[in-house]
Amino acid sequence: MTIVVHHNSSCGTSRNTIELIRASGEEPVIIEYLKEGWTRPQLLALFAAAGLTPREALRTSKSPAEELGLTDPDVDDEAILAAMLEHPVLVNRPIVASPRGVRLCRPSELVLDLLDNGGPDRFTKEDGEVVRGQAGSR
């Protein structure tokens, strides 16, 4: 199974998501979108598959969203999308794609729904929080 993670290495949620995938026995394909950037078709496809609008995928904390005026409710999705292409950090992360679907994995344990085996029985996040995989909850 191929799992793709659109990743920001400075994000703990993104790191935890990758480690949850690895703990399940899979090695994800990691795309560091801050280095590679986004394309319009790529973002539109990811958002459509995840059932997100650009506004719902907008990262408002630790990003320039507010200073760019993107948090104003009158700003339309087209303007938000254009800003995301110019400033990749505006896209919330991690976005994970697997054969089971596409999802914004915040919190990181949302990735469990995308794993064929339900994830590891038990996983400890960077902050010490313990997550039980779906296999471990049966």
N, C-alpha and C. Protein backbone atom coordinates (compact mmCIF):
# COMPACT_ATOMS: atom_id res chain seq x y z
N MET A 1 0.86 -1.18 0.00
CA MET A 1 0.00 0.00 0.00
C MET A 1 0.90 1.23 0.00
N THR A 2 0.59 2.20 -0.87
CA THR A 2 1.35 3.44 -0.89
C THR A 2 0.60 4.50 -0.08
N ILE A 3 1.32 5.08 0.86
CA ILE A 3 0.79 6.16 1.68
C ILE A 3 1.68 7.37 1.44
N VAL A 4 1.06 8.50 1.12
CA VAL A 4 1.79 9.73 0.85
C VAL A 4 1.45 10.73 1.94
N VAL A 5 2.48 11.32 2.54
CA VAL A 5 2.29 12.32 3.58
C VAL A 5 2.87 13.64 3.10
N HIS A 6 2.02 14.66 3.05
CA HIS A 6 2.48 16.02 2.75
C HIS A 6 2.89 16.58 4.10
N HIS A 7 4.19 16.73 4.27
CA HIS A 7 4.84 16.84 5.57
C HIS A 7 5.59 18.15 5.76
N ASN A 8 5.55 18.63 6.99
CA ASN A 8 6.38 19.76 7.43
C ASN A 8 7.20 19.22 8.59
N SER A 9 8.50 19.10 8.43
CA SER A 9 9.35 18.46 9.44
C SER A 9 9.37 19.22 10.77
N SER A 10 8.99 20.49 10.78
CA SER A 10 8.99 21.23 12.05
C SER A 10 7.67 21.07 12.81
N CYS A 11 6.74 20.30 12.27
CA CYS A 11 5.42 20.12 12.87
C CYS A 11 5.36 18.79 13.62
N GLY A 12 5.13 18.85 14.94
CA GLY A 12 5.03 17.64 15.75
C GLY A 12 3.91 16.73 15.32
N THR A 13 2.76 17.29 14.93
CA THR A 13 1.64 16.46 14.48
C THR A 13 2.03 15.70 13.22
N SER A 14 2.74 16.36 12.33
CA SER A 14 3.18 15.73 11.10
C SER A 14 4.20 14.62 11.41
N ARG A 15 5.14 14.88 12.30
CA ARG A 15 6.13 13.86 12.67
C ARG A 15 5.44 12.65 13.33
N ASN A 16 4.49 12.93 14.24
CA ASN A 16 3.77 11.83 14.89
C ASN A 16 3.00 10.99 13.88
N THR A 17 2.40 11.64 12.90
CA THR A 17 1.65 10.93 11.87
C THR A 17 2.56 9.97 11.11
N ILE A 18 3.72 10.45 10.72
CA ILE A 18 4.68 9.60 10.00
C ILE A 18 5.11 8.43 10.86
N GLU A 19 5.39 8.68 12.14
CA GLU A 19 5.83 7.60 13.01
C GLU A 19 4.71 6.59 13.28
N LEU A 20 3.46 7.05 13.33
CA LEU A 20 2.32 6.12 13.47
C LEU A 20 2.25 5.21 12.24
N ILE A 21 2.44 5.78 11.07
CA ILE A 21 2.42 4.98 9.83
C ILE A 21 3.54 3.96 9.87
N ARG A 22 4.74 4.40 10.24
CA ARG A 22 5.89 3.48 10.30
C ARG A 22 5.66 2.39 11.33
N ALA A 23 5.08 2.74 12.47
CA ALA A 23 4.80 1.75 13.52
C ALA A 23 3.78 0.72 13.06
N SER A 24 3.01 1.07 12.03
CA SER A 24 2.03 0.12 11.50
C SER A 24 2.66 -0.84 10.49
N GLY A 25 3.94 -0.61 10.18
CA GLY A 25 4.64 -1.49 9.25
C GLY A 25 4.75 -0.95 7.84
N GLU A 26 4.29 0.27 7.62
CA GLU A 26 4.36 0.89 6.29
C GLU A 26 5.44 1.97 6.28
N GLU A 27 6.04 2.19 5.14
CA GLU A 27 6.98 3.30 4.97
C GLU A 27 6.34 4.31 4.02
N PRO A 28 5.96 5.47 4.54
CA PRO A 28 5.27 6.45 3.69
C PRO A 28 6.21 7.16 2.72
N VAL A 29 5.62 7.63 1.64
CA VAL A 29 6.30 8.54 0.74
C VAL A 29 6.10 9.92 1.36
N ILE A 30 7.19 10.62 1.59
CA ILE A 30 7.11 11.91 2.28
C ILE A 30 7.38 13.03 1.29
N ILE A 31 6.44 13.96 1.21
CA ILE A 31 6.60 15.13 0.35
C ILE A 31 6.73 16.34 1.26
N GLU A 32 7.89 16.96 1.22
CA GLU A 32 8.12 18.15 2.04
C GLU A 32 7.65 19.36 1.23
N TYR A 33 6.38 19.68 1.43
CA TYR A 33 5.73 20.68 0.59
C TYR A 33 6.28 22.09 0.77
N LEU A 34 6.94 22.38 1.88
CA LEU A 34 7.54 23.71 2.03
C LEU A 34 8.71 23.88 1.07
N LYS A 35 9.39 22.78 0.74
CA LYS A 35 10.50 22.82 -0.22
C LYS A 35 10.00 22.70 -1.65
N GLU A 36 9.02 21.80 -1.86
CA GLU A 36 8.55 21.52 -3.22
C GLU A 36 7.44 22.44 -3.69
N GLY A 37 6.72 23.04 -2.75
CA GLY A 37 5.60 23.90 -3.11
C GLY A 37 4.39 23.07 -3.53
N TRP A 38 3.36 23.75 -3.94
CA TRP A 38 2.11 23.13 -4.37
C TRP A 38 1.81 23.57 -5.79
N THR A 39 1.02 22.77 -6.47
CA THR A 39 0.43 23.21 -7.74
C THR A 39 -1.06 23.36 -7.50
N ARG A 40 -1.69 24.17 -8.30
CA ARG A 40 -3.13 24.37 -8.17
C ARG A 40 -3.90 23.06 -8.34
N PRO A 41 -3.62 22.26 -9.41
CA PRO A 41 -4.34 20.99 -9.55
C PRO A 41 -4.11 20.05 -8.37
N GLN A 42 -2.90 20.04 -7.86
CA GLN A 42 -2.58 19.17 -6.73
C GLN A 42 -3.43 19.55 -5.50
N LEU A 43 -3.46 20.82 -5.16
CA LEU A 43 -4.25 21.26 -4.01
C LEU A 43 -5.74 21.00 -4.23
N LEU A 44 -6.23 21.33 -5.40
CA LEU A 44 -7.66 21.11 -5.68
C LEU A 44 -8.02 19.63 -5.55
N ALA A 45 -7.15 18.76 -6.05
CA ALA A 45 -7.42 17.32 -5.98
C ALA A 45 -7.37 16.83 -4.53
N LEU A 46 -6.37 17.27 -3.78
CA LEU A 46 -6.27 16.85 -2.37
C LEU A 46 -7.48 17.34 -1.57
N PHE A 47 -7.84 18.61 -1.74
CA PHE A 47 -8.97 19.16 -1.00
C PHE A 47 -10.27 18.44 -1.37
N ALA A 48 -10.46 18.18 -2.66
CA ALA A 48 -11.68 17.49 -3.10
C ALA A 48 -11.74 16.09 -2.50
N ALA A 49 -10.63 15.37 -2.54
CA ALA A 49 -10.60 14.00 -2.02
C ALA A 49 -10.81 13.97 -0.51
N ALA A 50 -10.33 15.00 0.19
CA ALA A 50 -10.46 15.06 1.64
C ALA A 50 -11.77 15.72 2.08
N GLY A 51 -12.52 16.26 1.12
CA GLY A 51 -13.76 16.94 1.47
C GLY A 51 -13.54 18.26 2.18
N LEU A 52 -12.46 18.95 1.81
CA LEU A 52 -12.10 20.23 2.43
C LEU A 52 -12.25 21.38 1.44
N THR A 53 -12.58 22.53 1.95
CA THR A 53 -12.49 23.75 1.16
C THR A 53 -11.13 24.37 1.45
N PRO A 54 -10.66 25.28 0.60
CA PRO A 54 -9.41 25.96 0.93
C PRO A 54 -9.47 26.63 2.31
N ARG A 55 -10.60 27.23 2.66
CA ARG A 55 -10.71 27.87 3.98
C ARG A 55 -10.55 26.85 5.10
N GLU A 56 -11.14 25.67 4.93
CA GLU A 56 -11.03 24.63 5.97
C GLU A 56 -9.61 24.09 6.08
N ALA A 57 -8.85 24.15 5.00
CA ALA A 57 -7.47 23.66 4.99
C ALA A 57 -6.46 24.75 5.33
N LEU A 58 -6.93 25.97 5.55
CA LEU A 58 -6.05 27.11 5.83
C LEU A 58 -5.46 27.00 7.23
N ARG A 59 -4.16 27.07 7.30
CA ARG A 59 -3.47 27.09 8.60
C ARG A 59 -3.44 28.54 9.07
N THR A 60 -4.08 28.78 10.20
CA THR A 60 -4.16 30.16 10.69
C THR A 60 -3.17 30.44 11.82
N SER A 61 -2.73 29.40 12.53
CA SER A 61 -1.73 29.63 13.58
C SER A 61 -0.34 29.40 13.01
N LYS A 62 0.60 30.17 13.48
CA LYS A 62 1.99 30.06 13.03
C LYS A 62 2.10 30.12 11.51
N SER A 63 1.30 30.99 10.92
CA SER A 63 1.36 31.21 9.47
C SER A 63 1.02 32.68 9.22
N PRO A 64 1.28 33.17 8.02
CA PRO A 64 0.96 34.57 7.72
C PRO A 64 -0.51 34.80 7.34
N ALA A 65 -1.40 33.87 7.62
CA ALA A 65 -2.79 33.97 7.19
C ALA A 65 -3.46 35.27 7.65
N GLU A 66 -3.29 35.60 8.90
CA GLU A 66 -3.96 36.80 9.42
C GLU A 66 -3.36 38.07 8.81
N GLU A 67 -2.05 38.15 8.76
CA GLU A 67 -1.42 39.36 8.21
C GLU A 67 -1.71 39.54 6.72
N LEU A 68 -2.01 38.43 6.03
CA LEU A 68 -2.39 38.51 4.62
C LEU A 68 -3.88 38.79 4.44
N GLY A 69 -4.61 38.88 5.56
CA GLY A 69 -6.04 39.18 5.50
C GLY A 69 -6.91 37.98 5.15
N LEU A 70 -6.35 36.78 5.21
CA LEU A 70 -7.07 35.58 4.77
C LEU A 70 -8.09 35.07 5.79
N THR A 71 -8.01 35.55 7.03
CA THR A 71 -8.96 35.09 8.04
C THR A 71 -10.27 35.87 7.99
N ASP A 72 -10.31 36.94 7.21
CA ASP A 72 -11.54 37.71 7.03
C ASP A 72 -12.57 36.82 6.32
N PRO A 73 -13.79 36.72 6.88
CA PRO A 73 -14.80 35.84 6.29
C PRO A 73 -15.21 36.22 4.87
N ASP A 74 -14.92 37.45 4.45
CA ASP A 74 -15.28 37.88 3.10
C ASP A 74 -14.29 37.43 2.03
N VAL A 75 -13.13 36.91 2.45
CA VAL A 75 -12.14 36.43 1.49
C VAL A 75 -12.63 35.10 0.92
N ASP A 76 -12.66 35.01 -0.42
CA ASP A 76 -13.20 33.79 -1.02
C ASP A 76 -12.13 32.71 -1.16
N ASP A 77 -12.60 31.49 -1.44
CA ASP A 77 -11.70 30.34 -1.55
C ASP A 77 -10.66 30.51 -2.65
N GLU A 78 -11.00 31.21 -3.71
CA GLU A 78 -10.06 31.43 -4.81
C GLU A 78 -8.86 32.25 -4.32
N ALA A 79 -9.12 33.27 -3.53
CA ALA A 79 -8.03 34.10 -2.99
C ALA A 79 -7.18 33.30 -2.01
N ILE A 80 -7.83 32.46 -1.21
CA ILE A 80 -7.09 31.63 -0.25
C ILE A 80 -6.20 30.64 -1.01
N LEU A 81 -6.75 30.02 -2.04
CA LEU A 81 -6.00 29.07 -2.85
C LEU A 81 -4.79 29.75 -3.50
N ALA A 82 -4.98 30.92 -4.04
CA ALA A 82 -3.87 31.66 -4.67
C ALA A 82 -2.78 31.95 -3.64
N ALA A 83 -3.18 32.33 -2.43
CA ALA A 83 -2.20 32.61 -1.38
C ALA A 83 -1.46 31.34 -0.97
N MET A 84 -2.16 30.21 -0.95
CA MET A 84 -1.51 28.93 -0.60
C MET A 84 -0.44 28.55 -1.61
N LEU A 85 -0.68 28.87 -2.88
CA LEU A 85 0.30 28.58 -3.91
C LEU A 85 1.54 29.45 -3.74
N GLU A 86 1.34 30.67 -3.30
CA GLU A 86 2.46 31.59 -3.09
C GLU A 86 3.16 31.33 -1.76
N HIS A 87 2.41 30.92 -0.74
CA HIS A 87 2.93 30.68 0.62
C HIS A 87 2.51 29.28 1.06
N PRO A 88 3.29 28.24 0.70
CA PRO A 88 2.89 26.86 1.00
C PRO A 88 2.60 26.59 2.48
N VAL A 89 3.19 27.37 3.38
CA VAL A 89 2.98 27.18 4.81
C VAL A 89 1.52 27.41 5.22
N LEU A 90 0.74 28.05 4.36
CA LEU A 90 -0.66 28.32 4.67
C LEU A 90 -1.54 27.07 4.64
N VAL A 91 -1.03 25.98 4.08
CA VAL A 91 -1.81 24.75 4.02
C VAL A 91 -1.59 23.97 5.31
N ASN A 92 -2.68 23.66 5.99
CA ASN A 92 -2.59 22.90 7.22
C ASN A 92 -2.06 21.51 6.92
N ARG A 93 -1.41 20.91 7.89
CA ARG A 93 -0.75 19.63 7.67
C ARG A 93 -0.89 18.76 8.89
N PRO A 94 -0.59 17.48 8.70
CA PRO A 94 -0.23 16.79 7.47
C PRO A 94 -1.47 16.33 6.70
N ILE A 95 -1.37 16.36 5.40
CA ILE A 95 -2.41 15.77 4.56
C ILE A 95 -1.86 14.42 4.11
N VAL A 96 -2.65 13.38 4.37
CA VAL A 96 -2.21 12.02 4.08
C VAL A 96 -3.15 11.41 3.03
N ALA A 97 -2.54 10.77 2.04
CA ALA A 97 -3.30 10.07 1.00
C ALA A 97 -2.90 8.60 1.02
N SER A 98 -3.91 7.74 1.04
CA SER A 98 -3.69 6.29 0.98
C SER A 98 -4.80 5.70 0.11
N PRO A 99 -4.71 4.43 -0.22
CA PRO A 99 -5.80 3.81 -0.98
C PRO A 99 -7.15 3.89 -0.25
N ARG A 100 -7.12 4.13 1.05
CA ARG A 100 -8.35 4.22 1.84
C ARG A 100 -8.91 5.63 1.92
N GLY A 101 -8.22 6.61 1.30
CA GLY A 101 -8.74 7.96 1.29
C GLY A 101 -7.68 9.02 1.53
N VAL A 102 -8.15 10.26 1.62
CA VAL A 102 -7.28 11.42 1.86
C VAL A 102 -7.85 12.16 3.05
N ARG A 103 -6.95 12.61 3.92
CA ARG A 103 -7.42 13.25 5.14
C ARG A 103 -6.38 14.21 5.68
N LEU A 104 -6.87 15.31 6.25
CA LEU A 104 -6.02 16.19 7.05
C LEU A 104 -5.94 15.52 8.42
N CYS A 105 -4.77 15.09 8.81
CA CYS A 105 -4.61 14.28 10.03
C CYS A 105 -4.21 15.14 11.23
N ARG A 106 -5.16 15.92 11.70
CA ARG A 106 -5.02 16.70 12.92
C ARG A 106 -6.19 16.34 13.80
N PRO A 107 -6.01 15.60 14.85
CA PRO A 107 -4.76 15.10 15.42
C PRO A 107 -4.20 13.92 14.61
N SER A 108 -2.97 13.58 14.91
CA SER A 108 -2.25 12.57 14.12
C SER A 108 -2.94 11.22 14.09
N GLU A 109 -3.68 10.85 15.14
CA GLU A 109 -4.31 9.52 15.15
C GLU A 109 -5.42 9.37 14.13
N LEU A 110 -5.84 10.46 13.48
CA LEU A 110 -6.81 10.34 12.39
C LEU A 110 -6.26 9.50 11.24
N VAL A 111 -4.94 9.37 11.18
CA VAL A 111 -4.32 8.56 10.13
C VAL A 111 -4.69 7.08 10.28
N LEU A 112 -5.08 6.65 11.46
CA LEU A 112 -5.40 5.23 11.68
C LEU A 112 -6.48 4.74 10.73
N ASP A 113 -7.45 5.61 10.41
CA ASP A 113 -8.52 5.24 9.48
C ASP A 113 -8.00 4.97 8.07
N LEU A 114 -6.82 5.48 7.77
CA LEU A 114 -6.26 5.34 6.42
C LEU A 114 -5.34 4.13 6.29
N LEU A 115 -5.12 3.41 7.38
CA LEU A 115 -4.20 2.27 7.39
C LEU A 115 -4.98 0.97 7.28
N ASP A 116 -4.52 0.08 6.41
CA ASP A 116 -5.20 -1.20 6.22
C ASP A 116 -5.29 -2.01 7.50
N ASN A 117 -4.25 -1.97 8.31
CA ASN A 117 -4.22 -2.81 9.51
C ASN A 117 -4.68 -2.07 10.77
N GLY A 118 -5.16 -0.83 10.64
CA GLY A 118 -5.65 -0.08 11.80
C GLY A 118 -4.56 0.52 12.66
N GLY A 119 -3.32 0.34 12.29
CA GLY A 119 -2.22 0.93 13.05
C GLY A 119 -1.70 0.03 14.15
N PRO A 120 -0.67 0.51 14.84
CA PRO A 120 -0.08 -0.29 15.92
C PRO A 120 -1.07 -0.40 17.09
N ASP A 121 -0.90 -1.44 17.89
CA ASP A 121 -1.76 -1.60 19.07
C ASP A 121 -1.61 -0.41 20.01
N ARG A 122 -0.39 0.09 20.12
CA ARG A 122 -0.11 1.18 21.05
C ARG A 122 1.01 2.03 20.47
N PHE A 123 0.88 3.33 20.60
CA PHE A 123 1.88 4.25 20.08
C PHE A 123 1.99 5.43 21.03
N THR A 124 3.21 5.86 21.33
CA THR A 124 3.42 7.01 22.20
C THR A 124 3.89 8.18 21.37
N LYS A 125 3.12 9.27 21.41
CA LYS A 125 3.47 10.48 20.67
C LYS A 125 4.67 11.16 21.31
N GLU A 126 5.23 12.14 20.60
CA GLU A 126 6.37 12.90 21.10
C GLU A 126 6.10 13.52 22.47
N ASP A 127 4.86 13.94 22.71
CA ASP A 127 4.53 14.61 23.97
C ASP A 127 4.17 13.63 25.09
N GLY A 128 4.28 12.32 24.81
CA GLY A 128 4.01 11.31 25.82
C GLY A 128 2.59 10.75 25.80
N GLU A 129 1.70 11.36 25.01
CA GLU A 129 0.34 10.84 24.92
C GLU A 129 0.35 9.47 24.25
N VAL A 130 -0.40 8.54 24.82
CA VAL A 130 -0.49 7.19 24.27
C VAL A 130 -1.73 7.09 23.40
N VAL A 131 -1.53 6.55 22.21
CA VAL A 131 -2.61 6.33 21.25
C VAL A 131 -2.76 4.83 21.07
N ARG A 132 -3.99 4.37 21.07
CA ARG A 132 -4.27 2.96 20.80
C ARG A 132 -4.77 2.85 19.37
N GLY A 133 -4.11 1.98 18.61
CA GLY A 133 -4.54 1.75 17.25
C GLY A 133 -5.87 1.01 17.22
N GLN A 134 -6.47 0.97 16.05
CA GLN A 134 -7.76 0.29 15.93
C GLN A 134 -7.61 -1.20 16.19
N ALA A 135 -6.46 -1.76 15.87
CA ALA A 135 -6.24 -3.18 16.16
C ALA A 135 -6.18 -3.39 17.66
N GLY A 136 -5.62 -2.41 18.39
CA GLY A 136 -5.49 -2.52 19.84
C GLY A 136 -6.77 -2.24 20.59
N SER A 137 -7.77 -1.70 19.91
CA SER A 137 -9.03 -1.36 20.59
C SER A 137 -10.08 -2.44 20.40
N ARG A 138 -9.74 -3.48 19.65
CA ARG A 138 -10.73 -4.55 19.41
C ARG A 138 -10.74 -5.53 20.56
